[in-house]
Amino acid sequence: MTDKSRAAGGRQAGRRRCAWARSADADYVRYHDEEWGRPVHDDRRLFEMLTLEGAQAGLSWSTILRKRAGYRRAFARFEPRKVARFDARRRAALRRDAGIVRNRLKIESTVSNARAFLAVQREFGSFDRYLWSYVAGKPIVNRPRSGAVPAHTPLSDQVSRDLVKRGFRFVGTTIVYAFLQAVGVVNDHARGCFRCPPRRAPGARRVAQRRRRK
């Protein structure tokens, strides 16, 4: 057993997780516990997750997590302005970089997506403001049963269509739904998972609203 596996096993003890995170893979466990489903409002991080979710197409998420450090190095720590300036020579070099998925279309799309990302920032002030406007700034908390998480929803269909219209690539509705889950626009931690938000007691929302009005 590796040190990573031992560490993952230690973190798993006494905690129930979503079915996909019940693994000896320390990266999976850490990602589930510390990142997945938590609201993200930093544009650079949003660009990172949009890129990684697109890179996953046809691959496993564990593959992408193992290459995450390579992606951060290769794509200027996901600074959109820098990535948008990658020229043909830089893109060709990336196709020889074993630290990332060396797929020409995925590499090219990351650069063109950076340009589209900047256009959204110019129009809305930030990509964060654009993305979270779809849910009025409040995460959708589903509390699904284990194994009952959809591959896409009307929300991901809508966001996907708009991103495609804006020139983004590798943003099909399934990829977009995974992105929305990853950055906390949608919280799909399953019932029983220790990261699943508790159900609010009846009337709690009305009480909170009255307090805000005072």
Protein backbone atom coordinates (compact mmCIF):
# COMPACT_ATOMS: atom_id res chain seq x y z
CA MET A 1 0.00 0.00 0.00
CA THR A 2 1.33 3.44 -0.92
CA ASP A 3 1.57 6.39 1.44
CA LYS A 4 -1.23 8.05 -0.56
CA SER A 5 -3.50 5.04 -0.11
CA ARG A 6 -2.83 4.96 3.64
CA ALA A 7 -3.61 8.67 3.90
CA ALA A 8 -6.83 8.23 1.94
CA GLY A 9 -7.85 5.31 4.10
CA GLY A 10 -7.27 7.38 7.21
CA ARG A 11 -9.45 10.19 5.94
CA GLN A 12 -12.18 7.74 4.98
CA ALA A 13 -12.50 6.24 8.44
CA GLY A 14 -15.85 7.02 10.01
CA ARG A 15 -17.03 9.20 7.13
CA ARG A 16 -19.63 8.41 4.51
CA ARG A 17 -19.00 9.81 1.06
CA CYS A 18 -20.62 9.96 -2.33
CA ALA A 19 -20.29 6.58 -4.07
CA TRP A 20 -17.79 7.86 -6.65
CA ALA A 21 -15.42 9.01 -3.88
CA ARG A 22 -15.28 5.72 -1.97
CA SER A 23 -11.81 5.03 -3.22
CA ALA A 24 -8.29 4.39 -2.01
CA ASP A 25 -7.17 7.12 -4.41
CA ALA A 26 -6.03 9.98 -2.20
CA ASP A 27 -6.52 12.57 -4.96
CA TYR A 28 -10.14 11.48 -5.41
CA VAL A 29 -10.86 11.65 -1.70
CA ARG A 30 -9.21 15.03 -1.28
CA TYR A 31 -11.01 16.45 -4.31
CA HIS A 32 -14.37 15.22 -3.01
CA ASP A 33 -13.79 16.44 0.54
CA GLU A 34 -12.21 19.80 -0.17
CA GLU A 35 -13.37 21.00 -3.59
CA TRP A 36 -16.30 19.29 -5.30
CA GLY A 37 -19.56 21.15 -4.78
CA ARG A 38 -18.03 24.14 -3.03
CA PRO A 39 -18.94 27.51 -4.58
CA VAL A 40 -16.12 29.00 -6.64
CA HIS A 41 -16.08 32.72 -7.49
CA ASP A 42 -12.48 33.18 -8.62
CA ASP A 43 -12.27 33.57 -12.40
CA ARG A 44 -8.92 31.87 -12.76
CA ARG A 45 -10.20 28.83 -10.87
CA LEU A 46 -13.37 28.81 -12.95
CA PHE A 47 -11.26 28.77 -16.12
CA GLU A 48 -9.17 25.95 -14.68
CA MET A 49 -12.18 23.77 -13.93
CA LEU A 50 -13.82 24.48 -17.28
CA THR A 51 -10.57 23.44 -18.97
CA LEU A 52 -10.10 20.29 -16.89
CA GLU A 53 -13.69 19.15 -17.38
CA GLY A 54 -13.28 19.55 -21.12
CA ALA A 55 -9.97 17.68 -21.02
CA GLN A 56 -11.70 14.77 -19.29
CA ALA A 57 -13.91 14.02 -22.31
CA GLY A 58 -13.41 10.31 -23.08
CA LEU A 59 -11.11 9.84 -20.08
CA SER A 60 -11.42 9.22 -16.35
CA TRP A 61 -11.38 12.04 -13.82
CA SER A 62 -8.54 10.30 -11.98
CA THR A 63 -6.40 10.73 -15.10
CA ILE A 64 -7.06 14.46 -15.10
CA LEU A 65 -6.40 14.83 -11.37
CA ARG A 66 -3.02 13.13 -11.80
CA LYS A 67 -2.15 15.61 -14.55
CA ARG A 68 -3.49 18.69 -12.77
CA ALA A 69 -0.09 20.02 -11.79
CA GLY A 70 1.07 19.50 -15.37
CA TYR A 71 -1.90 21.49 -16.65
CA ARG A 72 -1.22 24.36 -14.28
CA ARG A 73 2.38 24.52 -15.45
CA ALA A 74 1.57 24.12 -19.14
CA PHE A 75 -1.26 26.64 -19.20
CA ALA A 76 0.30 29.48 -17.20
CA ARG A 77 -1.60 28.58 -14.03
CA PHE A 78 -4.80 29.16 -15.99
CA GLU A 79 -4.35 32.88 -16.42
CA PRO A 80 -6.76 33.43 -19.35
CA ARG A 81 -4.91 36.46 -20.75
CA LYS A 82 -1.68 34.50 -21.01
CA VAL A 83 -3.30 31.38 -22.46
CA ALA A 84 -5.16 33.45 -25.06
CA ARG A 85 -1.78 34.57 -26.43
CA PHE A 86 -0.37 31.06 -26.99
CA ASP A 87 0.90 31.00 -30.56
CA ALA A 88 1.24 28.07 -32.97
CA ARG A 89 4.75 27.22 -31.71
CA ARG A 90 3.58 27.15 -28.09
CA ARG A 91 0.57 24.99 -28.96
CA ALA A 92 2.77 22.59 -30.93
CA ALA A 93 5.08 22.24 -27.91
CA LEU A 94 2.09 21.35 -25.74
CA ARG A 95 1.32 18.40 -28.02
CA ARG A 96 4.64 16.94 -26.89
CA ASP A 97 4.03 17.61 -23.18
CA ALA A 98 3.43 14.35 -21.30
CA GLY A 99 2.15 16.31 -18.31
CA ILE A 100 -1.18 17.00 -20.04
CA VAL A 101 -3.59 15.21 -22.37
CA ARG A 102 -1.83 15.59 -25.71
CA ASN A 103 -4.93 15.93 -27.83
CA ARG A 104 -4.63 18.61 -30.50
CA LEU A 105 -8.29 19.61 -30.41
CA LYS A 106 -8.33 19.89 -26.62
CA ILE A 107 -5.17 22.01 -26.61
CA GLU A 108 -6.46 24.28 -29.37
CA SER A 109 -9.82 24.61 -27.62
CA THR A 110 -8.17 25.68 -24.36
CA VAL A 111 -6.56 28.60 -26.17
CA SER A 112 -9.71 29.60 -28.05
CA ASN A 113 -11.75 29.15 -24.86
CA ALA A 114 -9.41 31.56 -23.08
CA ARG A 115 -10.23 34.17 -25.72
CA ALA A 116 -13.96 33.50 -25.36
CA PHE A 117 -13.55 33.65 -21.57
CA LEU A 118 -11.98 37.12 -21.85
CA ALA A 119 -14.88 38.26 -24.03
CA VAL A 120 -17.33 37.16 -21.32
CA GLN A 121 -15.30 39.05 -18.71
CA ARG A 122 -15.45 42.20 -20.82
CA GLU A 123 -19.20 41.91 -21.27
CA PHE A 124 -20.19 40.97 -17.71
CA GLY A 125 -17.30 42.28 -15.64
CA SER A 126 -16.25 38.75 -14.67
CA PHE A 127 -16.95 35.19 -15.72
CA ASP A 128 -18.11 34.62 -12.15
CA ARG A 129 -20.88 37.18 -12.56
CA TYR A 130 -21.94 35.62 -15.86
CA LEU A 131 -22.01 32.05 -14.57
CA TRP A 132 -23.72 32.65 -11.24
CA SER A 133 -26.41 34.80 -12.86
CA TYR A 134 -27.99 31.55 -14.06
CA VAL A 135 -28.87 30.67 -10.45
CA ALA A 136 -29.29 34.21 -9.06
CA GLY A 137 -26.06 33.74 -7.11
CA LYS A 138 -27.36 30.85 -5.00
CA PRO A 139 -26.21 27.22 -5.37
CA ILE A 140 -28.76 24.61 -6.31
CA VAL A 141 -28.71 21.97 -3.56
CA ASN A 142 -30.22 18.69 -4.78
CA ARG A 143 -29.38 16.18 -2.01
CA PRO A 144 -29.80 13.26 -4.46
CA ARG A 145 -30.01 9.61 -3.56
CA SER A 146 -26.79 7.71 -4.20
CA GLY A 147 -26.56 6.83 -7.88
CA ALA A 148 -29.42 9.16 -8.85
CA VAL A 149 -27.35 12.09 -10.17
CA PRO A 150 -28.27 13.02 -13.77
CA ALA A 151 -25.74 13.41 -16.56
CA HIS A 152 -27.25 16.74 -17.55
CA THR A 153 -30.17 19.02 -16.69
CA PRO A 154 -32.15 21.83 -18.32
CA LEU A 155 -29.72 24.25 -16.62
CA SER A 156 -26.65 22.61 -18.13
CA ASP A 157 -28.44 22.48 -21.50
CA GLN A 158 -29.02 26.24 -21.29
CA VAL A 159 -25.49 27.12 -20.19
CA SER A 160 -23.97 24.79 -22.79
CA ARG A 161 -25.97 26.37 -25.62
CA ASP A 162 -24.91 29.85 -24.59
CA LEU A 163 -21.24 28.93 -24.21
CA VAL A 164 -21.24 27.35 -27.67
CA LYS A 165 -22.86 30.49 -29.08
CA ARG A 166 -20.05 32.51 -27.48
CA GLY A 167 -17.36 30.41 -29.19
CA PHE A 168 -16.43 27.94 -26.44
CA ARG A 169 -15.57 24.36 -27.38
CA PHE A 170 -15.71 21.10 -25.41
CA VAL A 171 -18.71 22.48 -23.54
CA GLY A 172 -21.42 19.94 -24.31
CA THR A 173 -24.20 19.70 -21.76
CA THR A 174 -22.68 16.70 -19.93
CA ILE A 175 -19.32 18.44 -19.60
CA VAL A 176 -21.05 21.63 -18.46
CA TYR A 177 -23.06 19.79 -15.83
CA ALA A 178 -19.87 18.26 -14.43
CA PHE A 179 -18.40 21.78 -14.41
CA LEU A 180 -21.41 23.20 -12.56
CA GLN A 181 -21.05 20.45 -9.96
CA ALA A 182 -17.31 21.02 -9.65
CA VAL A 183 -17.59 24.75 -8.96
CA GLY A 184 -20.59 24.50 -6.64
CA VAL A 185 -23.25 26.10 -8.83
CA VAL A 186 -24.92 22.74 -8.28
CA ASN A 187 -24.32 20.79 -5.07
CA ASP A 188 -24.91 17.10 -5.75
CA HIS A 189 -23.39 15.55 -2.64
CA ALA A 190 -25.60 12.55 -1.98
CA ARG A 191 -27.82 12.06 1.05
CA GLY A 192 -25.72 10.47 3.77
CA CYS A 193 -22.47 11.98 2.50
CA PHE A 194 -20.81 14.02 5.22
CA ARG A 195 -20.48 16.91 2.74
CA CYS A 196 -24.20 16.96 1.92
CA PRO A 197 -25.78 20.18 3.27
CA PRO A 198 -28.40 19.48 5.94
CA ARG A 199 -32.01 19.88 5.00
CA ARG A 200 -33.37 23.16 6.29
CA ALA A 201 -36.14 22.89 8.84
CA PRO A 202 -39.62 23.99 7.71
CA GLY A 203 -39.96 27.72 8.10
CA ALA A 204 -36.21 28.30 8.46
CA ARG A 205 -36.04 30.14 5.15
CA ARG A 206 -38.86 32.49 6.15
CA VAL A 207 -37.14 33.23 9.48
CA ALA A 208 -33.87 33.99 7.70
CA GLN A 209 -35.65 36.30 5.26
CA ARG A 210 -37.32 38.21 8.12
CA ARG A 211 -33.97 38.65 9.85
CA ARG A 212 -32.41 40.06 6.70
CA ARG A 213 -35.23 42.59 6.36
CA LYS A 214 -34.72 43.92 9.91
